Amino acid sequence: MGITFSWSHRRRLKPGEHLWCSAIIVAAGSATRMGGIDKIMTNLGDRPVIVHSVQAFQQCPLVDEIIVVTREELMEDINQLVQQWSCTKVSRIVRGGSNRMESVTIGLSRVDQKARLVAIHDGARPLVSQKVLEQVLTTAAETAAAAPAIPVKDTIKRVDNRELILETVPREALRAVQTPQVFDRDLIAAALQKAKEGGQPLTDDCAAVEALGMKVTLTPGSERNLKITTPVDLAIGEALLCQQD
């Protein structure tokens, strides 16, 4: 039986109304491009990358709970860090799956029953600002699906399998999408279920929602909200940490 989800209007929130929000921080990757460095446990400034990521949601008044999805061998270490840095909103630290979609699905299965919104964030994006969080969470509360994004600055080429250029893609309409990507809980659950049934490999949660025919609203991201993927990114992150947002 096919899965459908209908959302044809903006949700009208009452003044001061708050939708209960669970944040799923995905930190279960193998960090193969880090040259043997475990990126989420490496210090950025005076604390590990994963602590920065968790603390951003800890400090956000629109977030009610945090679930960290990680590798089994890191669960105890992250639990100790959560206690050390007083991350009181962390309700669970759970073992992830073999890929991102499995890890997100596992995290989603553990959110509090009160959750109306789910924010899915890369554990390796430690510098997400409160402004970015507030804008994407507020928009998702109204539209059911939102994600931060920034304009693409580089010239983008489409190539063939021989690395020959086929065309130059106009960049005016291109955006680099970041996290957290925030969704109505029922919507993301339906989207992930359909993706699983279709065997679709996903690295982006918006793609699962788009496959249901739903629109995702983009909100302003930030160049500071980089993903730590290579050792160079760590150096950039250190520099950005010293700057005012």
Protein backbone atom coordinates (compact mmCIF):
# COMPACT_ATOMS: atom_id res chain seq x y z
CA MET A 1 0.00 0.00 0.00
CA GLY A 2 1.37 3.39 -0.95
CA ILE A 3 2.13 6.04 1.64
CA THR A 4 0.56 9.45 1.26
CA PHE A 5 0.82 12.63 3.28
CA SER A 6 -1.22 15.74 2.64
CA TRP A 7 -0.32 19.25 3.79
CA SER A 8 -2.02 22.00 1.84
CA HIS A 9 -1.79 25.02 4.12
CA ARG A 10 0.38 26.80 6.61
CA ARG A 11 -0.25 25.84 10.20
CA ARG A 12 -1.67 28.77 12.12
CA LEU A 13 0.00 28.97 15.49
CA LYS A 14 -1.66 30.77 18.34
CA PRO A 15 0.33 33.62 19.94
CA GLY A 16 2.93 32.07 22.21
CA GLU A 17 2.08 28.53 21.05
CA HIS A 18 5.00 26.12 21.22
CA LEU A 19 5.20 22.83 19.33
CA TRP A 20 7.13 20.21 21.32
CA CYS A 21 10.40 19.60 19.44
CA SER A 22 12.85 16.72 19.56
CA ALA A 23 16.31 17.14 18.07
CA ILE A 24 18.04 14.09 16.62
CA ILE A 25 21.80 14.62 16.35
CA VAL A 26 23.28 12.08 13.96
CA ALA A 27 26.87 11.21 14.80
CA ALA A 28 27.22 7.62 13.66
CA GLY A 29 29.41 8.06 10.57
CA SER A 30 32.79 6.46 10.07
CA ALA A 31 34.64 9.70 9.17
CA THR A 32 36.55 8.02 6.34
CA ARG A 33 37.74 11.36 4.92
CA MET A 34 39.33 12.51 8.19
CA GLY A 35 42.51 10.48 7.81
CA GLY A 36 41.97 8.42 10.95
CA ILE A 37 40.69 11.34 13.06
CA ASP A 38 37.35 10.84 14.79
CA LYS A 39 35.82 14.17 13.84
CA ILE A 40 33.03 14.35 16.40
CA MET A 41 35.35 13.56 19.32
CA THR A 42 38.13 15.91 18.21
CA ASN A 43 38.41 19.15 20.12
CA LEU A 44 37.27 22.36 18.52
CA GLY A 45 38.50 25.03 20.88
CA ASP A 46 38.13 23.71 24.41
CA ARG A 47 35.57 20.96 23.77
CA PRO A 48 34.82 18.15 21.30
CA VAL A 49 32.89 18.82 18.11
CA ILE A 50 29.91 16.77 19.32
CA VAL A 51 29.64 18.89 22.48
CA HIS A 52 29.37 22.09 20.42
CA SER A 53 26.63 20.49 18.32
CA VAL A 54 24.64 19.31 21.34
CA GLN A 55 25.05 22.59 23.21
CA ALA A 56 23.54 24.57 20.33
CA PHE A 57 20.26 22.70 20.86
CA GLN A 58 20.66 22.71 24.63
CA GLN A 59 20.66 26.51 24.52
CA CYS A 60 17.70 26.82 22.14
CA PRO A 61 14.42 27.45 23.98
CA LEU A 62 12.43 25.99 21.05
CA VAL A 63 13.99 22.53 21.56
CA ASP A 64 12.64 20.25 24.29
CA GLU A 65 14.77 17.12 24.05
CA ILE A 66 17.91 15.88 22.33
CA ILE A 67 18.65 12.35 21.14
CA VAL A 68 22.20 11.54 20.05
CA VAL A 69 22.63 8.70 17.56
CA THR A 70 26.18 7.43 17.39
CA ARG A 71 28.43 4.40 17.02
CA GLU A 72 28.29 1.81 19.78
CA GLU A 73 31.91 2.35 20.80
CA LEU A 74 31.29 6.06 21.37
CA MET A 75 28.11 5.81 23.44
CA GLU A 76 29.79 5.76 26.84
CA ASP A 77 32.25 8.53 25.96
CA ILE A 78 29.45 10.77 24.70
CA ASN A 79 27.39 10.01 27.79
CA GLN A 80 30.28 11.22 29.94
CA LEU A 81 30.64 14.38 27.85
CA VAL A 82 26.91 15.09 28.13
CA GLN A 83 27.17 14.93 31.90
CA GLN A 84 30.42 16.90 32.04
CA TRP A 85 28.97 19.76 29.99
CA SER A 86 25.52 19.70 31.66
CA CYS A 87 23.57 18.91 28.52
CA THR A 88 20.38 18.23 30.44
CA LYS A 89 18.07 18.03 27.41
CA VAL A 90 19.78 14.85 26.19
CA SER A 91 17.25 12.12 26.94
CA ARG A 92 18.88 9.23 25.09
CA ILE A 93 22.12 8.21 23.44
CA VAL A 94 21.42 5.37 21.03
CA ARG A 95 23.35 3.18 18.64
CA GLY A 96 23.03 4.15 14.99
CA GLY A 97 22.50 2.02 11.91
CA SER A 98 24.62 1.11 8.92
CA ASN A 99 23.75 4.31 7.04
CA ARG A 100 22.30 7.74 7.68
CA MET A 101 18.71 6.81 6.89
CA GLU A 102 18.82 3.90 9.35
CA SER A 103 20.36 6.13 12.02
CA VAL A 104 17.71 8.82 11.58
CA THR A 105 14.96 6.18 11.66
CA ILE A 106 16.35 4.75 14.89
CA GLY A 107 16.52 8.21 16.43
CA LEU A 108 12.96 8.97 15.31
CA SER A 109 11.70 5.81 16.99
CA ARG A 110 13.04 7.05 20.31
CA VAL A 111 11.66 10.58 20.40
CA ASP A 112 9.18 11.53 23.10
CA GLN A 113 5.53 10.89 22.28
CA LYS A 114 4.82 14.59 22.83
CA ALA A 115 7.02 15.59 19.89
CA ARG A 116 5.27 17.45 17.08
CA LEU A 117 8.45 18.63 15.37
CA VAL A 118 11.68 16.72 14.72
CA ALA A 119 14.95 18.53 13.96
CA ILE A 120 17.61 16.34 12.34
CA HIS A 121 21.15 17.68 12.62
CA ASP A 122 24.62 16.53 11.61
CA GLY A 123 26.74 15.94 14.69
CA ALA A 124 29.66 17.29 12.67
CA ARG A 125 28.05 20.75 12.26
CA PRO A 126 29.24 22.29 15.55
CA LEU A 127 28.79 25.99 14.78
CA VAL A 128 25.10 26.29 13.99
CA SER A 129 23.89 29.57 15.44
CA GLN A 130 20.83 30.33 17.53
CA LYS A 131 19.58 32.61 14.75
CA VAL A 132 19.70 29.80 12.19
CA LEU A 133 17.99 27.44 14.64
CA GLU A 134 15.23 29.87 15.51
CA GLN A 135 14.42 30.66 11.88
CA VAL A 136 14.27 27.06 10.68
CA LEU A 137 12.32 25.81 13.71
CA THR A 138 9.78 28.62 13.51
CA THR A 139 9.29 28.08 9.78
CA ALA A 140 8.90 24.31 10.14
CA ALA A 141 6.28 24.85 12.85
CA GLU A 142 4.22 26.73 10.23
CA THR A 143 4.98 24.75 7.06
CA ALA A 144 5.78 21.17 8.26
CA ALA A 145 9.17 21.08 6.51
CA ALA A 146 12.10 23.52 6.51
CA ALA A 147 15.86 23.54 6.17
CA PRO A 148 18.59 26.21 6.24
CA ALA A 149 20.51 26.87 3.05
CA ILE A 150 23.04 29.25 1.54
CA PRO A 151 23.56 30.35 -2.08
CA VAL A 152 26.13 28.40 -4.07
CA LYS A 153 29.16 30.59 -4.81
CA ASP A 154 31.21 28.31 -7.05
CA THR A 155 30.51 27.78 -10.73
CA ILE A 156 28.89 24.34 -11.08
CA LYS A 157 29.57 22.10 -14.08
CA ARG A 158 27.65 18.97 -15.07
CA VAL A 159 30.00 16.34 -16.51
CA ASP A 160 29.87 12.92 -18.12
CA ASN A 161 31.62 9.74 -16.95
CA ARG A 162 34.84 10.88 -18.67
CA GLU A 163 34.87 14.16 -16.68
CA LEU A 164 34.08 16.15 -19.79
CA ILE A 165 31.87 19.18 -19.24
CA LEU A 166 28.33 18.85 -20.55
CA GLU A 167 26.99 22.16 -19.34
CA THR A 168 27.40 25.01 -16.89
CA VAL A 169 24.55 24.99 -14.39
CA PRO A 170 23.16 28.47 -13.62
CA ARG A 171 23.93 29.01 -9.95
CA GLU A 172 21.34 31.71 -9.27
CA ALA A 173 18.76 29.07 -8.39
CA LEU A 174 21.15 26.70 -6.59
CA ARG A 175 21.39 26.38 -2.81
CA ALA A 176 23.66 24.36 -0.54
CA VAL A 177 21.35 22.85 2.07
CA GLN A 178 22.52 22.53 5.65
CA THR A 179 21.10 21.09 8.85
CA PRO A 180 19.10 20.99 11.03
CA GLN A 181 16.35 19.91 8.68
CA VAL A 182 13.09 20.18 10.59
CA PHE A 183 9.83 18.35 9.91
CA ASP A 184 6.42 17.54 11.24
CA ARG A 185 6.95 14.25 13.03
CA ASP A 186 4.31 12.31 11.07
CA LEU A 187 5.62 13.70 7.79
CA ILE A 188 9.23 12.61 8.28
CA ALA A 189 8.09 9.21 9.58
CA ALA A 190 6.04 8.65 6.43
CA ALA A 191 8.87 9.89 4.21
CA LEU A 192 11.46 7.59 5.77
CA GLN A 193 9.11 4.62 5.56
CA LYS A 194 8.53 5.23 1.85
CA ALA A 195 12.26 5.65 1.23
CA LYS A 196 12.94 2.37 3.04
CA GLU A 197 10.31 0.51 1.03
CA GLY A 198 11.69 1.94 -2.20
CA GLY A 199 15.30 1.10 -1.33
CA GLN A 200 16.34 4.69 -1.93
CA PRO A 201 19.82 5.61 -0.61
CA LEU A 202 19.49 9.01 1.07
CA THR A 203 22.10 11.38 2.46
CA ASP A 204 19.61 14.22 2.87
CA ASP A 205 16.34 14.05 4.81
CA CYS A 206 14.70 16.70 2.62
CA ALA A 207 14.98 14.31 -0.33
CA ALA A 208 12.78 11.78 1.46
CA VAL A 209 10.12 14.41 2.08
CA GLU A 210 10.35 15.68 -1.50
CA ALA A 211 9.75 12.12 -2.72
CA LEU A 212 6.31 12.29 -1.08
CA GLY A 213 5.53 15.31 -3.23
CA MET A 214 5.86 17.71 -0.29
CA LYS A 215 7.57 21.09 -0.50
CA VAL A 216 10.42 22.06 1.83
CA THR A 217 10.80 25.73 2.69
CA LEU A 218 14.38 27.01 2.81
CA THR A 219 15.47 29.48 5.48
CA PRO A 220 18.70 31.49 5.69
CA GLY A 221 21.68 29.34 6.61
CA SER A 222 25.16 30.51 7.49
CA GLU A 223 28.65 29.95 6.14
CA ARG A 224 29.66 29.33 9.75
CA ASN A 225 27.39 26.30 9.82
CA LEU A 226 29.97 24.17 8.04
CA LYS A 227 30.16 20.39 8.23
CA ILE A 228 33.44 18.98 9.52
CA THR A 229 34.34 16.47 6.81
CA THR A 230 38.09 16.82 6.28
CA PRO A 231 41.04 17.99 8.42
CA VAL A 232 40.93 21.31 6.55
CA ASP A 233 37.40 21.83 7.86
CA LEU A 234 38.68 21.51 11.40
CA ALA A 235 41.16 24.32 10.78
CA ILE A 236 38.40 26.47 9.29
CA GLY A 237 36.19 25.68 12.26
CA GLU A 238 38.89 26.81 14.68
CA ALA A 239 39.17 30.11 12.82
CA LEU A 240 35.41 30.61 12.77
CA LEU A 241 35.15 29.82 16.47
CA CYS A 242 37.26 32.89 17.19
CA GLN A 243 34.99 35.18 15.19
CA GLN A 244 31.73 36.84 16.12
CA ASP A 245 28.69 35.29 14.40
